[in-house]
Amino acid sequence: MAHGLSAGGAGQRAPAQDLDSGAQLHKFAQHTSAVTGAFLFGDGKRALSWGKDGLKLWDLKKFALQGELPQSIRKTRGVALIGDGPHFLTATSERELQLWNADTMMLLDVYVADAELSIFKIESAPFRILAGDAFGRIHVIRLDLPEAR
């Protein structure tokens, strides 16, 4: 088998293969609209993708959908992973930064601005978020993560 990038046809499931081969490991087909962003968690075991149909959390060991957050009302404008843990932020078209826990898929906290936000930067602990808004302002937000249980 030749090395390089490969992909199956639309809607086909590719078999899991070794990453060193350069071949596709898997193709998830559960989104119903264009995927506008995705990232891998630091542990390499999960991935998060999003589009107009919502956010989806993927288990990369089982190649399965682990959870989803429908975003029919709050369109996702951006997503950022926080540190190495299970927390991530979403920026929505409804002026919200939302703090989520990927382990439980629960919303932990919400910051509401007076304009639509985009996430620009998250600094390490103590976590600070730089977010820009539609009026040309930069918000500097302190983030206190819940204590580990």
N, C-alpha and C. Protein backbone atom coordinates (compact mmCIF):
# COMPACT_ATOMS: atom_id res chain seq x y z
N MET A 1 0.84 -1.18 0.00
CA MET A 1 0.00 0.00 0.00
C MET A 1 0.89 1.24 0.00
N ALA A 2 0.59 2.19 -0.85
CA ALA A 2 1.37 3.42 -0.95
C ALA A 2 1.10 4.31 0.26
N HIS A 3 2.11 5.05 0.66
CA HIS A 3 1.94 5.99 1.77
C HIS A 3 1.32 7.27 1.25
N GLY A 4 0.64 7.97 2.13
CA GLY A 4 0.03 9.25 1.77
C GLY A 4 -1.35 9.35 2.37
N LEU A 5 -2.04 10.40 2.05
CA LEU A 5 -3.40 10.60 2.54
C LEU A 5 -4.36 9.79 1.70
N SER A 6 -5.40 9.28 2.34
CA SER A 6 -6.41 8.53 1.59
C SER A 6 -7.77 8.80 2.19
N ALA A 7 -8.80 8.59 1.41
CA ALA A 7 -10.16 8.78 1.88
C ALA A 7 -11.08 7.86 1.10
N GLY A 8 -12.09 7.34 1.78
CA GLY A 8 -13.10 6.53 1.11
C GLY A 8 -14.13 7.43 0.47
N GLY A 9 -15.06 6.83 -0.24
CA GLY A 9 -16.13 7.60 -0.86
C GLY A 9 -17.09 8.16 0.17
N ALA A 10 -17.95 9.06 -0.25
CA ALA A 10 -18.90 9.70 0.66
C ALA A 10 -19.77 8.66 1.36
N GLY A 11 -19.85 8.77 2.67
CA GLY A 11 -20.71 7.89 3.44
C GLY A 11 -20.12 6.52 3.72
N GLN A 12 -18.94 6.21 3.19
CA GLN A 12 -18.34 4.90 3.43
C GLN A 12 -17.56 4.93 4.74
N ARG A 13 -17.56 3.78 5.43
CA ARG A 13 -16.78 3.65 6.64
C ARG A 13 -15.43 3.07 6.29
N ALA A 14 -14.40 3.73 6.70
CA ALA A 14 -13.05 3.23 6.44
C ALA A 14 -12.62 2.35 7.60
N PRO A 15 -11.91 1.27 7.33
CA PRO A 15 -11.42 0.43 8.43
C PRO A 15 -10.35 1.17 9.22
N ALA A 16 -10.25 0.86 10.50
CA ALA A 16 -9.20 1.44 11.33
C ALA A 16 -7.86 0.90 10.85
N GLN A 17 -6.90 1.78 10.69
CA GLN A 17 -5.57 1.38 10.23
C GLN A 17 -4.53 2.12 11.04
N ASP A 18 -3.31 1.68 10.95
CA ASP A 18 -2.21 2.28 11.68
C ASP A 18 -1.94 3.69 11.17
N LEU A 19 -1.74 4.63 12.09
CA LEU A 19 -1.47 6.02 11.72
C LEU A 19 -0.19 6.15 10.92
N ASP A 20 0.80 5.28 11.20
CA ASP A 20 2.08 5.36 10.49
C ASP A 20 1.93 5.06 9.00
N SER A 21 0.86 4.38 8.62
CA SER A 21 0.68 4.02 7.21
C SER A 21 0.24 5.22 6.38
N GLY A 22 -0.21 6.29 7.04
CA GLY A 22 -0.68 7.45 6.31
C GLY A 22 -2.10 7.28 5.81
N ALA A 23 -2.74 6.17 6.14
CA ALA A 23 -4.09 5.90 5.67
C ALA A 23 -5.12 6.46 6.65
N GLN A 24 -6.31 6.62 6.14
CA GLN A 24 -7.41 7.10 6.97
C GLN A 24 -7.73 6.08 8.04
N LEU A 25 -7.91 6.54 9.27
CA LEU A 25 -8.26 5.65 10.37
C LEU A 25 -9.76 5.43 10.44
N HIS A 26 -10.51 6.48 10.27
CA HIS A 26 -11.97 6.38 10.37
C HIS A 26 -12.60 7.65 9.81
N LYS A 27 -13.83 7.53 9.37
CA LYS A 27 -14.59 8.70 8.92
C LYS A 27 -15.93 8.69 9.65
N PHE A 28 -16.20 9.74 10.42
CA PHE A 28 -17.47 9.87 11.11
C PHE A 28 -18.44 10.58 10.18
N ALA A 29 -19.66 10.08 10.08
CA ALA A 29 -20.62 10.67 9.14
C ALA A 29 -21.91 11.12 9.83
N GLN A 30 -21.85 11.46 11.11
CA GLN A 30 -23.06 11.81 11.85
C GLN A 30 -23.46 13.28 11.75
N HIS A 31 -22.62 14.16 11.25
CA HIS A 31 -23.03 15.56 11.08
C HIS A 31 -24.01 15.63 9.91
N THR A 32 -25.01 16.50 10.02
CA THR A 32 -25.99 16.67 8.95
C THR A 32 -25.80 17.97 8.19
N SER A 33 -24.76 18.74 8.57
CA SER A 33 -24.42 19.96 7.85
C SER A 33 -22.89 20.06 7.80
N ALA A 34 -22.41 21.07 7.13
CA ALA A 34 -20.96 21.24 7.00
C ALA A 34 -20.29 21.33 8.36
N VAL A 35 -19.16 20.67 8.50
CA VAL A 35 -18.35 20.77 9.72
C VAL A 35 -17.51 22.04 9.59
N THR A 36 -17.64 22.94 10.58
CA THR A 36 -16.93 24.22 10.50
C THR A 36 -15.70 24.27 11.39
N GLY A 37 -15.51 23.25 12.25
CA GLY A 37 -14.32 23.21 13.09
C GLY A 37 -14.22 21.90 13.84
N ALA A 38 -13.00 21.58 14.26
CA ALA A 38 -12.76 20.36 15.03
C ALA A 38 -11.41 20.46 15.73
N PHE A 39 -11.25 19.73 16.83
CA PHE A 39 -9.95 19.61 17.47
C PHE A 39 -9.86 18.30 18.23
N LEU A 40 -8.64 17.90 18.51
CA LEU A 40 -8.35 16.72 19.31
C LEU A 40 -8.07 17.16 20.73
N PHE A 41 -8.55 16.39 21.70
CA PHE A 41 -8.19 16.64 23.09
C PHE A 41 -6.74 16.22 23.29
N GLY A 42 -6.08 16.80 24.29
CA GLY A 42 -4.67 16.54 24.54
C GLY A 42 -4.33 15.09 24.79
N ASP A 43 -5.28 14.30 25.31
CA ASP A 43 -5.00 12.89 25.59
C ASP A 43 -5.07 12.03 24.33
N GLY A 44 -5.53 12.60 23.21
CA GLY A 44 -5.61 11.86 21.96
C GLY A 44 -6.73 10.84 21.91
N LYS A 45 -7.55 10.77 22.95
CA LYS A 45 -8.62 9.76 23.02
C LYS A 45 -9.96 10.29 22.54
N ARG A 46 -10.09 11.61 22.47
CA ARG A 46 -11.37 12.21 22.08
C ARG A 46 -11.14 13.35 21.10
N ALA A 47 -12.19 13.65 20.35
CA ALA A 47 -12.19 14.80 19.45
C ALA A 47 -13.55 15.48 19.56
N LEU A 48 -13.58 16.75 19.24
CA LEU A 48 -14.81 17.52 19.24
C LEU A 48 -14.93 18.18 17.87
N SER A 49 -16.11 18.11 17.26
CA SER A 49 -16.35 18.78 15.99
C SER A 49 -17.65 19.56 16.10
N TRP A 50 -17.80 20.59 15.26
CA TRP A 50 -19.01 21.40 15.32
C TRP A 50 -19.36 21.93 13.95
N GLY A 51 -20.66 22.26 13.83
CA GLY A 51 -21.22 22.84 12.63
C GLY A 51 -22.59 23.39 12.98
N LYS A 52 -23.38 23.74 11.99
CA LYS A 52 -24.70 24.30 12.26
C LYS A 52 -25.62 23.32 12.98
N ASP A 53 -25.33 22.03 12.87
CA ASP A 53 -26.18 21.03 13.53
C ASP A 53 -25.74 20.73 14.96
N GLY A 54 -24.74 21.40 15.46
CA GLY A 54 -24.34 21.23 16.86
C GLY A 54 -22.92 20.76 17.03
N LEU A 55 -22.58 20.45 18.27
CA LEU A 55 -21.25 19.96 18.63
C LEU A 55 -21.34 18.47 18.88
N LYS A 56 -20.32 17.75 18.46
CA LYS A 56 -20.30 16.30 18.65
C LYS A 56 -18.96 15.92 19.27
N LEU A 57 -19.02 15.06 20.29
CA LEU A 57 -17.85 14.55 20.97
C LEU A 57 -17.63 13.12 20.53
N TRP A 58 -16.42 12.82 20.08
CA TRP A 58 -16.09 11.51 19.51
C TRP A 58 -15.12 10.76 20.39
N ASP A 59 -15.36 9.46 20.56
CA ASP A 59 -14.44 8.56 21.24
C ASP A 59 -13.55 7.96 20.16
N LEU A 60 -12.27 8.30 20.16
CA LEU A 60 -11.37 7.86 19.09
C LEU A 60 -10.83 6.45 19.30
N LYS A 61 -10.99 5.90 20.49
CA LYS A 61 -10.59 4.51 20.70
C LYS A 61 -11.65 3.55 20.16
N LYS A 62 -12.93 3.90 20.37
CA LYS A 62 -14.04 3.05 19.92
C LYS A 62 -14.59 3.49 18.56
N PHE A 63 -14.10 4.61 18.04
CA PHE A 63 -14.62 5.22 16.82
C PHE A 63 -16.14 5.37 16.91
N ALA A 64 -16.59 6.01 17.99
CA ALA A 64 -18.03 6.14 18.24
C ALA A 64 -18.37 7.55 18.71
N LEU A 65 -19.61 7.95 18.47
CA LEU A 65 -20.13 9.21 18.98
C LEU A 65 -20.33 9.05 20.48
N GLN A 66 -19.69 9.91 21.27
CA GLN A 66 -19.77 9.82 22.73
C GLN A 66 -20.87 10.72 23.28
N GLY A 67 -21.14 11.83 22.60
CA GLY A 67 -22.16 12.77 23.07
C GLY A 67 -22.32 13.90 22.08
N GLU A 68 -23.41 14.64 22.22
CA GLU A 68 -23.62 15.78 21.34
C GLU A 68 -24.37 16.88 22.06
N LEU A 69 -24.13 18.10 21.60
CA LEU A 69 -24.80 19.28 22.12
C LEU A 69 -25.49 19.96 20.95
N PRO A 70 -26.80 19.79 20.81
CA PRO A 70 -27.48 20.46 19.70
C PRO A 70 -27.41 21.98 19.87
N GLN A 71 -27.15 22.66 18.79
CA GLN A 71 -27.01 24.11 18.85
C GLN A 71 -28.02 24.78 17.91
N SER A 72 -29.22 24.27 17.86
CA SER A 72 -30.21 24.82 16.93
C SER A 72 -30.54 26.28 17.23
N ILE A 73 -30.49 26.69 18.49
CA ILE A 73 -30.79 28.07 18.84
C ILE A 73 -29.51 28.89 18.93
N ARG A 74 -28.50 28.35 19.59
CA ARG A 74 -27.25 29.08 19.80
C ARG A 74 -26.19 28.62 18.82
N LYS A 75 -26.05 29.30 17.73
CA LYS A 75 -25.06 28.92 16.72
C LYS A 75 -23.64 29.08 17.28
N THR A 76 -22.86 28.05 17.15
CA THR A 76 -21.48 28.06 17.63
C THR A 76 -20.61 28.86 16.69
N ARG A 77 -19.87 29.81 17.24
CA ARG A 77 -18.96 30.65 16.46
C ARG A 77 -17.51 30.21 16.63
N GLY A 78 -17.24 29.47 17.69
CA GLY A 78 -15.89 29.00 17.94
C GLY A 78 -15.84 28.13 19.17
N VAL A 79 -14.83 27.29 19.25
CA VAL A 79 -14.65 26.39 20.38
C VAL A 79 -13.16 26.40 20.74
N ALA A 80 -12.86 26.34 22.03
CA ALA A 80 -11.47 26.30 22.49
C ALA A 80 -11.34 25.32 23.63
N LEU A 81 -10.30 24.52 23.58
CA LEU A 81 -9.98 23.58 24.64
C LEU A 81 -9.26 24.32 25.75
N ILE A 82 -9.54 23.97 27.01
CA ILE A 82 -8.92 24.62 28.15
C ILE A 82 -7.93 23.65 28.78
N GLY A 83 -6.67 23.96 28.68
CA GLY A 83 -5.64 23.12 29.28
C GLY A 83 -5.68 21.69 28.77
N ASP A 84 -5.27 20.75 29.62
CA ASP A 84 -5.23 19.35 29.25
C ASP A 84 -6.47 18.59 29.72
N GLY A 85 -7.32 19.24 30.49
CA GLY A 85 -8.45 18.56 31.09
C GLY A 85 -9.66 18.46 30.18
N PRO A 86 -10.79 18.13 30.77
CA PRO A 86 -11.99 17.88 29.98
C PRO A 86 -12.80 19.14 29.64
N HIS A 87 -12.34 20.30 30.06
CA HIS A 87 -13.15 21.52 29.87
C HIS A 87 -12.89 22.18 28.51
N PHE A 88 -13.97 22.75 27.95
CA PHE A 88 -13.84 23.53 26.73
C PHE A 88 -14.85 24.66 26.75
N LEU A 89 -14.58 25.68 25.95
CA LEU A 89 -15.46 26.85 25.83
C LEU A 89 -16.09 26.88 24.45
N THR A 90 -17.32 27.36 24.39
CA THR A 90 -17.94 27.65 23.10
C THR A 90 -18.31 29.13 23.08
N ALA A 91 -18.14 29.76 21.93
CA ALA A 91 -18.61 31.13 21.71
C ALA A 91 -19.81 31.02 20.79
N THR A 92 -20.90 31.68 21.15
CA THR A 92 -22.14 31.55 20.38
C THR A 92 -22.56 32.88 19.77
N SER A 93 -23.44 32.79 18.78
CA SER A 93 -23.96 34.00 18.14
C SER A 93 -24.95 34.72 19.05
N GLU A 94 -25.27 34.13 20.19
CA GLU A 94 -26.15 34.79 21.16
C GLU A 94 -25.36 35.47 22.27
N ARG A 95 -24.10 35.87 21.97
CA ARG A 95 -23.25 36.67 22.85
C ARG A 95 -22.76 35.93 24.08
N GLU A 96 -22.71 34.62 24.04
CA GLU A 96 -22.32 33.84 25.20
C GLU A 96 -21.00 33.10 25.01
N LEU A 97 -20.21 33.06 26.08
CA LEU A 97 -19.12 32.11 26.21
C LEU A 97 -19.64 31.07 27.19
N GLN A 98 -19.62 29.81 26.77
CA GLN A 98 -20.17 28.74 27.60
C GLN A 98 -19.04 27.80 28.00
N LEU A 99 -18.97 27.46 29.28
CA LEU A 99 -17.97 26.54 29.80
C LEU A 99 -18.62 25.16 29.93
N TRP A 100 -18.01 24.16 29.29
CA TRP A 100 -18.54 22.79 29.25
C TRP A 100 -17.55 21.81 29.86
N ASN A 101 -18.06 20.69 30.36
CA ASN A 101 -17.26 19.56 30.79
C ASN A 101 -17.49 18.44 29.79
N ALA A 102 -16.45 18.01 29.09
CA ALA A 102 -16.60 16.97 28.07
C ALA A 102 -16.87 15.60 28.68
N ASP A 103 -16.46 15.37 29.93
CA ASP A 103 -16.72 14.08 30.56
C ASP A 103 -18.21 13.87 30.81
N THR A 104 -18.90 14.96 31.19
CA THR A 104 -20.32 14.85 31.53
C THR A 104 -21.23 15.48 30.48
N MET A 105 -20.64 16.24 29.54
CA MET A 105 -21.38 17.01 28.53
C MET A 105 -22.37 17.98 29.19
N MET A 106 -21.96 18.50 30.35
CA MET A 106 -22.80 19.44 31.08
C MET A 106 -22.26 20.86 30.95
N LEU A 107 -23.19 21.82 30.85
CA LEU A 107 -22.86 23.23 30.86
C LEU A 107 -22.56 23.64 32.29
N LEU A 108 -21.37 24.21 32.53
CA LEU A 108 -20.94 24.56 33.88
C LEU A 108 -21.14 26.04 34.21
N ASP A 109 -20.98 26.90 33.20
CA ASP A 109 -21.09 28.33 33.45
C ASP A 109 -21.26 29.06 32.13
N VAL A 110 -21.77 30.29 32.22
CA VAL A 110 -22.01 31.12 31.03
C VAL A 110 -21.58 32.54 31.32
N TYR A 111 -20.83 33.14 30.40
CA TYR A 111 -20.51 34.56 30.44
C TYR A 111 -21.28 35.21 29.30
N VAL A 112 -22.07 36.25 29.60
CA VAL A 112 -22.87 36.92 28.58
C VAL A 112 -22.30 38.32 28.35
N ALA A 113 -22.02 38.62 27.10
CA ALA A 113 -21.51 39.94 26.72
C ALA A 113 -22.64 40.74 26.07
N ASP A 114 -22.36 41.98 25.68
CA ASP A 114 -23.38 42.78 25.02
C ASP A 114 -23.22 42.78 23.50
N ALA A 115 -22.38 41.86 22.99
CA ALA A 115 -22.22 41.69 21.54
C ALA A 115 -21.72 40.27 21.28
N GLU A 116 -21.86 39.82 20.04
CA GLU A 116 -21.38 38.49 19.65
C GLU A 116 -19.87 38.39 19.89
N LEU A 117 -19.42 37.23 20.40
CA LEU A 117 -18.02 37.04 20.77
C LEU A 117 -17.32 36.02 19.90
N SER A 118 -16.01 36.18 19.79
CA SER A 118 -15.12 35.19 19.20
C SER A 118 -13.99 34.96 20.19
N ILE A 119 -13.56 33.70 20.34
CA ILE A 119 -12.48 33.38 21.26
C ILE A 119 -11.16 33.56 20.52
N PHE A 120 -10.25 34.32 21.12
CA PHE A 120 -8.95 34.53 20.51
C PHE A 120 -7.82 33.77 21.20
N LYS A 121 -7.84 33.76 22.52
CA LYS A 121 -6.70 33.18 23.25
C LYS A 121 -7.14 32.75 24.63
N ILE A 122 -6.61 31.61 25.07
CA ILE A 122 -6.78 31.17 26.46
C ILE A 122 -5.39 30.97 27.02
N GLU A 123 -5.08 31.68 28.11
CA GLU A 123 -3.79 31.55 28.76
C GLU A 123 -3.88 30.51 29.86
N SER A 124 -2.76 29.87 30.14
CA SER A 124 -2.70 28.82 31.17
C SER A 124 -3.02 29.36 32.55
N ALA A 125 -3.21 28.40 33.48
CA ALA A 125 -3.63 28.70 34.85
C ALA A 125 -2.74 29.77 35.49
N PRO A 126 -3.32 30.78 36.16
CA PRO A 126 -4.76 30.97 36.22
C PRO A 126 -5.30 31.34 34.84
N PHE A 127 -6.36 30.68 34.44
CA PHE A 127 -6.87 30.83 33.08
C PHE A 127 -7.46 32.22 32.86
N ARG A 128 -7.04 32.82 31.76
CA ARG A 128 -7.61 34.08 31.30
C ARG A 128 -7.97 33.91 29.83
N ILE A 129 -9.11 34.44 29.47
CA ILE A 129 -9.62 34.32 28.11
C ILE A 129 -9.62 35.70 27.48
N LEU A 130 -9.11 35.79 26.26
CA LEU A 130 -9.23 37.01 25.48
C LEU A 130 -10.27 36.74 24.40
N ALA A 131 -11.32 37.53 24.40
CA ALA A 131 -12.39 37.35 23.42
C ALA A 131 -12.71 38.70 22.80
N GLY A 132 -12.87 38.70 21.49
CA GLY A 132 -13.24 39.93 20.78
C GLY A 132 -14.73 39.95 20.53
N ASP A 133 -15.29 41.16 20.44
CA ASP A 133 -16.72 41.24 20.17
C ASP A 133 -17.00 41.99 18.87
N ALA A 134 -18.26 41.99 18.47
CA ALA A 134 -18.68 42.56 17.20
C ALA A 134 -18.53 44.08 17.15
N PHE A 135 -18.34 44.73 18.31
CA PHE A 135 -18.17 46.18 18.36
C PHE A 135 -16.70 46.60 18.42
N GLY A 136 -15.78 45.63 18.23
CA GLY A 136 -14.36 45.95 18.21
C GLY A 136 -13.69 46.01 19.56
N ARG A 137 -14.32 45.47 20.58
CA ARG A 137 -13.73 45.48 21.92
C ARG A 137 -13.11 44.13 22.24
N ILE A 138 -12.15 44.13 23.14
CA ILE A 138 -11.52 42.90 23.63
C ILE A 138 -11.97 42.71 25.08
N HIS A 139 -12.49 41.54 25.39
CA HIS A 139 -12.89 41.19 26.76
C HIS A 139 -11.78 40.32 27.35
N VAL A 140 -11.32 40.68 28.55
CA VAL A 140 -10.38 39.85 29.30
C VAL A 140 -11.18 39.24 30.44
N ILE A 141 -11.30 37.91 30.41
CA ILE A 141 -12.19 37.21 31.33
C ILE A 141 -11.38 36.21 32.14
N ARG A 142 -11.52 36.24 33.45
CA ARG A 142 -10.87 35.24 34.30
C ARG A 142 -11.77 34.01 34.38
N LEU A 143 -11.15 32.86 34.31
CA LEU A 143 -11.89 31.60 34.35
C LEU A 143 -11.43 30.79 35.54
N ASP A 144 -12.35 30.50 36.45
CA ASP A 144 -12.06 29.64 37.60
C ASP A 144 -12.74 28.30 37.33
N LEU A 145 -11.93 27.27 37.11
CA LEU A 145 -12.48 25.95 36.84
C LEU A 145 -12.96 25.31 38.12
N PRO A 146 -14.00 24.48 38.03
CA PRO A 146 -14.47 23.76 39.21
C PRO A 146 -13.37 22.84 39.73
N GLU A 147 -13.37 22.63 41.04
CA GLU A 147 -12.38 21.73 41.65
C GLU A 147 -12.60 20.32 41.16
N ALA A 148 -11.52 19.58 40.97
CA ALA A 148 -11.60 18.17 40.56
C ALA A 148 -12.20 17.36 41.70
N ARG A 149 -13.03 16.41 41.34
CA ARG A 149 -13.68 15.58 42.37
C ARG A 149 -13.01 14.26 42.48
